[in-house]
Amino acid sequence: MKPKVRPPQLLRIDYVVSTRADRDLVWKVFTDFSLWHRFSSIYGEIRWMAGKPWIPGSHLQIELVKPVPAKLDHVITACSPTNYVAWIDHAHGNTMEQWVHFKTLANGLTEVRTWAELMGTTSTLEGGDVRAIVTEFIRSWYDNFARECDRMAADQASCA
């Protein structure tokens, strides 16, 4: 099915999760893309194409298998390990900028706050609204990510 095209529109998505894992563990889990299949079933192959991982200017190629096959060129634009990371993606006539911030809260939890801005001309993919697809993906991915961080933190605590 051919993507539906519309005049460019901006969508902003803000989402926050927290985890019992410390920031070092949260960063370790976040940057290990071999774990991303645990957070979402949309991924095919993921690999670094250029540059050192998580350094501004490096390129991570992400194959998406659904809802429509695509290859994202995930370009890292800013990174301060355990503090924040940002990138820009392009797919199906849309561009997305996303930032992720990691913060230790007073209660010892780690807050993971993300925002994304999606701009482009594609409004539907496989009959689904792109805005709804991206919003649900972010919500689901970060919820699953936080649960995995909690699980790993509990495993670390039981081994100590």
C-alpha atoms as a PDB file:
ATOM      1  CA  MET A   1       0.000   0.000   0.000  1.00  0.00           C
ATOM      2  CA  LYS A   2       1.407   3.385  -1.001  1.00  0.00           C
ATOM      3  CA  PRO A   3       1.894   5.933   1.828  1.00  0.00           C
ATOM      4  CA  LYS A   4      -0.621   8.795   1.819  1.00  0.00           C
ATOM      5  CA  VAL A   5       0.971  12.225   1.332  1.00  0.00           C
ATOM      6  CA  ARG A   6      -0.136  15.522   2.927  1.00  0.00           C
ATOM      7  CA  PRO A   7       1.320  19.018   3.387  1.00  0.00           C
ATOM      8  CA  PRO A   8       4.120  18.914   6.020  1.00  0.00           C
ATOM      9  CA  GLN A   9       2.879  19.044   9.610  1.00  0.00           C
ATOM     10  CA  LEU A  10       4.751  19.046  12.911  1.00  0.00           C
ATOM     11  CA  LEU A  11       3.968  16.549  15.645  1.00  0.00           C
ATOM     12  CA  ARG A  12       5.609  16.831  19.067  1.00  0.00           C
ATOM     13  CA  ILE A  13       5.587  13.891  21.456  1.00  0.00           C
ATOM     14  CA  ASP A  14       6.761  14.132  25.088  1.00  0.00           C
ATOM     15  CA  TYR A  15       7.038  11.043  27.267  1.00  0.00           C
ATOM     16  CA  VAL A  16       8.554  10.236  30.678  1.00  0.00           C
ATOM     17  CA  VAL A  17       9.261   6.956  32.468  1.00  0.00           C
ATOM     18  CA  SER A  18      11.178   6.151  35.623  1.00  0.00           C
ATOM     19  CA  THR A  19      13.097   3.108  36.759  1.00  0.00           C
ATOM     20  CA  ARG A  20      14.739   1.810  39.925  1.00  0.00           C
ATOM     21  CA  ALA A  21      17.985   1.289  37.966  1.00  0.00           C
ATOM     22  CA  ASP A  22      20.784   3.818  38.441  1.00  0.00           C
ATOM     23  CA  ARG A  23      21.783   6.078  35.555  1.00  0.00           C
ATOM     24  CA  ASP A  24      24.850   4.040  34.649  1.00  0.00           C
ATOM     25  CA  LEU A  25      22.766   0.881  34.205  1.00  0.00           C
ATOM     26  CA  VAL A  26      20.009   2.806  32.384  1.00  0.00           C
ATOM     27  CA  TRP A  27      22.582   4.198  29.954  1.00  0.00           C
ATOM     28  CA  LYS A  28      24.152   0.758  29.468  1.00  0.00           C
ATOM     29  CA  VAL A  29      20.769  -0.780  28.621  1.00  0.00           C
ATOM     30  CA  PHE A  30      19.730   2.138  26.412  1.00  0.00           C
ATOM     31  CA  THR A  31      22.901   2.106  24.314  1.00  0.00           C
ATOM     32  CA  ASP A  32      22.979  -1.681  23.840  1.00  0.00           C
ATOM     33  CA  PHE A  33      20.857  -1.874  20.691  1.00  0.00           C
ATOM     34  CA  SER A  34      21.049  -5.686  20.772  1.00  0.00           C
ATOM     35  CA  LEU A  35      18.465  -5.379  23.590  1.00  0.00           C
ATOM     36  CA  TRP A  36      16.043  -3.190  21.604  1.00  0.00           C
ATOM     37  CA  HIS A  37      14.198  -6.250  20.271  1.00  0.00           C
ATOM     38  CA  ARG A  38      13.000  -6.742  23.872  1.00  0.00           C
ATOM     39  CA  PHE A  39      11.337  -3.315  23.807  1.00  0.00           C
ATOM     40  CA  SER A  40       9.623  -3.542  20.407  1.00  0.00           C
ATOM     41  CA  SER A  41       8.943  -6.102  17.696  1.00  0.00           C
ATOM     42  CA  ILE A  42       9.371  -3.600  14.833  1.00  0.00           C
ATOM     43  CA  TYR A  43      13.135  -4.088  14.468  1.00  0.00           C
ATOM     44  CA  GLY A  44      15.047  -6.089  11.915  1.00  0.00           C
ATOM     45  CA  GLU A  45      18.818  -5.636  11.663  1.00  0.00           C
ATOM     46  CA  ILE A  46      20.472  -2.754  13.552  1.00  0.00           C
ATOM     47  CA  ARG A  47      24.098  -1.805  12.931  1.00  0.00           C
ATOM     48  CA  TRP A  48      26.525   1.081  13.081  1.00  0.00           C
ATOM     49  CA  MET A  49      27.292   2.353   9.595  1.00  0.00           C
ATOM     50  CA  ALA A  50      29.770   5.151  10.295  1.00  0.00           C
ATOM     51  CA  GLY A  51      31.617   6.680  13.215  1.00  0.00           C
ATOM     52  CA  LYS A  52      32.115   5.507  16.776  1.00  0.00           C
ATOM     53  CA  PRO A  53      28.884   4.487  18.520  1.00  0.00           C
ATOM     54  CA  TRP A  54      26.977   7.287  20.270  1.00  0.00           C
ATOM     55  CA  ILE A  55      29.365  10.021  19.089  1.00  0.00           C
ATOM     56  CA  PRO A  56      27.826  13.029  17.280  1.00  0.00           C
ATOM     57  CA  GLY A  57      27.975  12.418  13.548  1.00  0.00           C
ATOM     58  CA  SER A  58      27.847   8.622  13.835  1.00  0.00           C
ATOM     59  CA  HIS A  59      25.199   6.732  11.846  1.00  0.00           C
ATOM     60  CA  LEU A  60      23.153   3.799  13.105  1.00  0.00           C
ATOM     61  CA  GLN A  61      21.130   2.008  10.435  1.00  0.00           C
ATOM     62  CA  ILE A  62      17.877   0.635  11.811  1.00  0.00           C
ATOM     63  CA  GLU A  63      15.770  -1.747   9.766  1.00  0.00           C
ATOM     64  CA  LEU A  64      12.065  -1.570  10.564  1.00  0.00           C
ATOM     65  CA  VAL A  65       9.962  -4.581   9.597  1.00  0.00           C
ATOM     66  CA  LYS A  66       6.533  -3.139  10.428  1.00  0.00           C
ATOM     67  CA  PRO A  67       4.117  -1.515   9.963  1.00  0.00           C
ATOM     68  CA  VAL A  68       5.945  -0.877   6.654  1.00  0.00           C
ATOM     69  CA  PRO A  69       9.516  -2.026   5.921  1.00  0.00           C
ATOM     70  CA  ALA A  70      12.024   0.828   6.075  1.00  0.00           C
ATOM     71  CA  LYS A  71      15.651   1.559   6.810  1.00  0.00           C
ATOM     72  CA  LEU A  72      16.283   4.512   9.092  1.00  0.00           C
ATOM     73  CA  ASP A  73      19.530   6.430   9.027  1.00  0.00           C
ATOM     74  CA  HIS A  74      19.733   7.290  12.721  1.00  0.00           C
ATOM     75  CA  VAL A  75      22.285  10.160  12.889  1.00  0.00           C
ATOM     76  CA  ILE A  76      23.543  11.028  16.368  1.00  0.00           C
ATOM     77  CA  THR A  77      23.543  14.821  16.756  1.00  0.00           C
ATOM     78  CA  ALA A  78      24.413  15.230  20.459  1.00  0.00           C
ATOM     79  CA  CYS A  79      25.520  12.909  23.231  1.00  0.00           C
ATOM     80  CA  SER A  80      26.690  13.185  26.827  1.00  0.00           C
ATOM     81  CA  PRO A  81      26.784   9.613  28.193  1.00  0.00           C
ATOM     82  CA  THR A  82      24.376   9.033  31.103  1.00  0.00           C
ATOM     83  CA  ASN A  83      22.980  12.566  30.635  1.00  0.00           C
ATOM     84  CA  TYR A  84      21.422  12.856  27.155  1.00  0.00           C
ATOM     85  CA  VAL A  85      21.498  11.737  23.552  1.00  0.00           C
ATOM     86  CA  ALA A  86      19.828  13.119  20.423  1.00  0.00           C
ATOM     87  CA  TRP A  87      19.416  12.001  16.831  1.00  0.00           C
ATOM     88  CA  ILE A  88      17.650  12.657  13.568  1.00  0.00           C
ATOM     89  CA  ASP A  89      15.900   9.931  11.519  1.00  0.00           C
ATOM     90  CA  HIS A  90      14.471   9.948   8.005  1.00  0.00           C
ATOM     91  CA  ALA A  91      11.861   7.512   6.621  1.00  0.00           C
ATOM     92  CA  HIS A  92       8.867   7.561   4.278  1.00  0.00           C
ATOM     93  CA  GLY A  93       9.090  11.301   3.583  1.00  0.00           C
ATOM     94  CA  ASN A  94       9.265  12.203   7.290  1.00  0.00           C
ATOM     95  CA  THR A  95      12.079  13.491   9.473  1.00  0.00           C
ATOM     96  CA  MET A  96      12.153  12.992  13.233  1.00  0.00           C
ATOM     97  CA  GLU A  97      14.399  14.674  15.781  1.00  0.00           C
ATOM     98  CA  GLN A  98      14.454  13.004  19.184  1.00  0.00           C
ATOM     99  CA  TRP A  99      16.164  13.803  22.482  1.00  0.00           C
ATOM    100  CA  VAL A 100      16.437  11.526  25.521  1.00  0.00           C
ATOM    101  CA  HIS A 101      17.473  12.897  28.929  1.00  0.00           C
ATOM    102  CA  PHE A 102      18.499  10.806  31.947  1.00  0.00           C
ATOM    103  CA  LYS A 103      18.154  12.292  35.437  1.00  0.00           C
ATOM    104  CA  THR A 104      18.628  10.907  38.946  1.00  0.00           C
ATOM    105  CA  LEU A 105      15.661  11.881  41.105  1.00  0.00           C
ATOM    106  CA  ALA A 106      15.777  12.693  44.832  1.00  0.00           C
ATOM    107  CA  ASN A 107      14.040   9.379  45.617  1.00  0.00           C
ATOM    108  CA  GLY A 108      16.849   7.448  43.863  1.00  0.00           C
ATOM    109  CA  LEU A 109      14.862   6.599  40.749  1.00  0.00           C
ATOM    110  CA  THR A 110      16.186   7.440  37.303  1.00  0.00           C
ATOM    111  CA  GLU A 111      13.899   9.509  35.124  1.00  0.00           C
ATOM    112  CA  VAL A 112      14.084   9.005  31.370  1.00  0.00           C
ATOM    113  CA  ARG A 113      12.452  11.900  29.550  1.00  0.00           C
ATOM    114  CA  THR A 114      12.142  11.927  25.788  1.00  0.00           C
ATOM    115  CA  TRP A 115      10.691  14.309  23.272  1.00  0.00           C
ATOM    116  CA  ALA A 116      10.403  13.883  19.548  1.00  0.00           C
ATOM    117  CA  GLU A 117       9.353  16.179  16.754  1.00  0.00           C
ATOM    118  CA  LEU A 118       8.129  14.553  13.565  1.00  0.00           C
ATOM    119  CA  MET A 119       7.799  16.581  10.372  1.00  0.00           C
ATOM    120  CA  GLY A 120       6.881  15.322   6.962  1.00  0.00           C
ATOM    121  CA  THR A 121       4.410  14.659   4.242  1.00  0.00           C
ATOM    122  CA  THR A 122       3.442  11.031   4.929  1.00  0.00           C
ATOM    123  CA  SER A 123       0.255  10.873   6.997  1.00  0.00           C
ATOM    124  CA  THR A 124      -0.660   7.169   6.829  1.00  0.00           C
ATOM    125  CA  LEU A 125       1.196   3.858   6.578  1.00  0.00           C
ATOM    126  CA  GLU A 126      -0.686   0.628   5.928  1.00  0.00           C
ATOM    127  CA  GLY A 127      -3.918   2.444   6.783  1.00  0.00           C
ATOM    128  CA  GLY A 128      -2.631   3.667  10.157  1.00  0.00           C
ATOM    129  CA  ASP A 129      -2.124   7.305  11.110  1.00  0.00           C
ATOM    130  CA  VAL A 130       1.616   8.044  11.295  1.00  0.00           C
ATOM    131  CA  ARG A 131       1.111  10.300  14.327  1.00  0.00           C
ATOM    132  CA  ALA A 132      -0.674   7.529  16.227  1.00  0.00           C
ATOM    133  CA  ILE A 133       1.883   4.915  15.151  1.00  0.00           C
ATOM    134  CA  VAL A 134       4.872   7.001  16.311  1.00  0.00           C
ATOM    135  CA  THR A 135       3.173   8.069  19.559  1.00  0.00           C
ATOM    136  CA  GLU A 136       2.262   4.477  20.451  1.00  0.00           C
ATOM    137  CA  PHE A 137       5.732   3.232  19.487  1.00  0.00           C
ATOM    138  CA  ILE A 138       7.448   5.744  21.799  1.00  0.00           C
ATOM    139  CA  ARG A 139       5.076   5.011  24.691  1.00  0.00           C
ATOM    140  CA  SER A 140       5.431   1.249  24.335  1.00  0.00           C
ATOM    141  CA  TRP A 141       9.218   1.284  23.734  1.00  0.00           C
ATOM    142  CA  TYR A 142      10.000   3.414  26.787  1.00  0.00           C
ATOM    143  CA  ASP A 143       7.590   1.500  29.047  1.00  0.00           C
ATOM    144  CA  ASN A 144       9.225  -1.788  28.021  1.00  0.00           C
ATOM    145  CA  PHE A 145      12.687  -0.240  28.368  1.00  0.00           C
ATOM    146  CA  ALA A 146      11.937   0.928  31.942  1.00  0.00           C
ATOM    147  CA  ARG A 147      10.641  -2.540  32.884  1.00  0.00           C
ATOM    148  CA  GLU A 148      13.840  -4.127  31.529  1.00  0.00           C
ATOM    149  CA  CYS A 149      15.961  -1.645  33.503  1.00  0.00           C
ATOM    150  CA  ASP A 150      13.960  -2.498  36.650  1.00  0.00           C
ATOM    151  CA  ARG A 151      14.499  -6.214  36.012  1.00  0.00           C
ATOM    152  CA  MET A 152      18.249  -5.764  35.508  1.00  0.00           C
ATOM    153  CA  ALA A 153      18.517  -3.587  38.634  1.00  0.00           C
ATOM    154  CA  ALA A 154      16.731  -6.276  40.668  1.00  0.00           C
ATOM    155  CA  ASP A 155      19.088  -8.917  39.243  1.00  0.00           C
ATOM    156  CA  GLN A 156      22.110  -6.790  40.223  1.00  0.00           C
ATOM    157  CA  ALA A 157      20.743  -6.283  43.743  1.00  0.00           C
ATOM    158  CA  SER A 158      20.127 -10.020  44.228  1.00  0.00           C
ATOM    159  CA  CYS A 159      23.720 -10.787  43.168  1.00  0.00           C
ATOM    160  CA  ALA A 160      25.223  -8.240  45.571  1.00  0.00           C
END
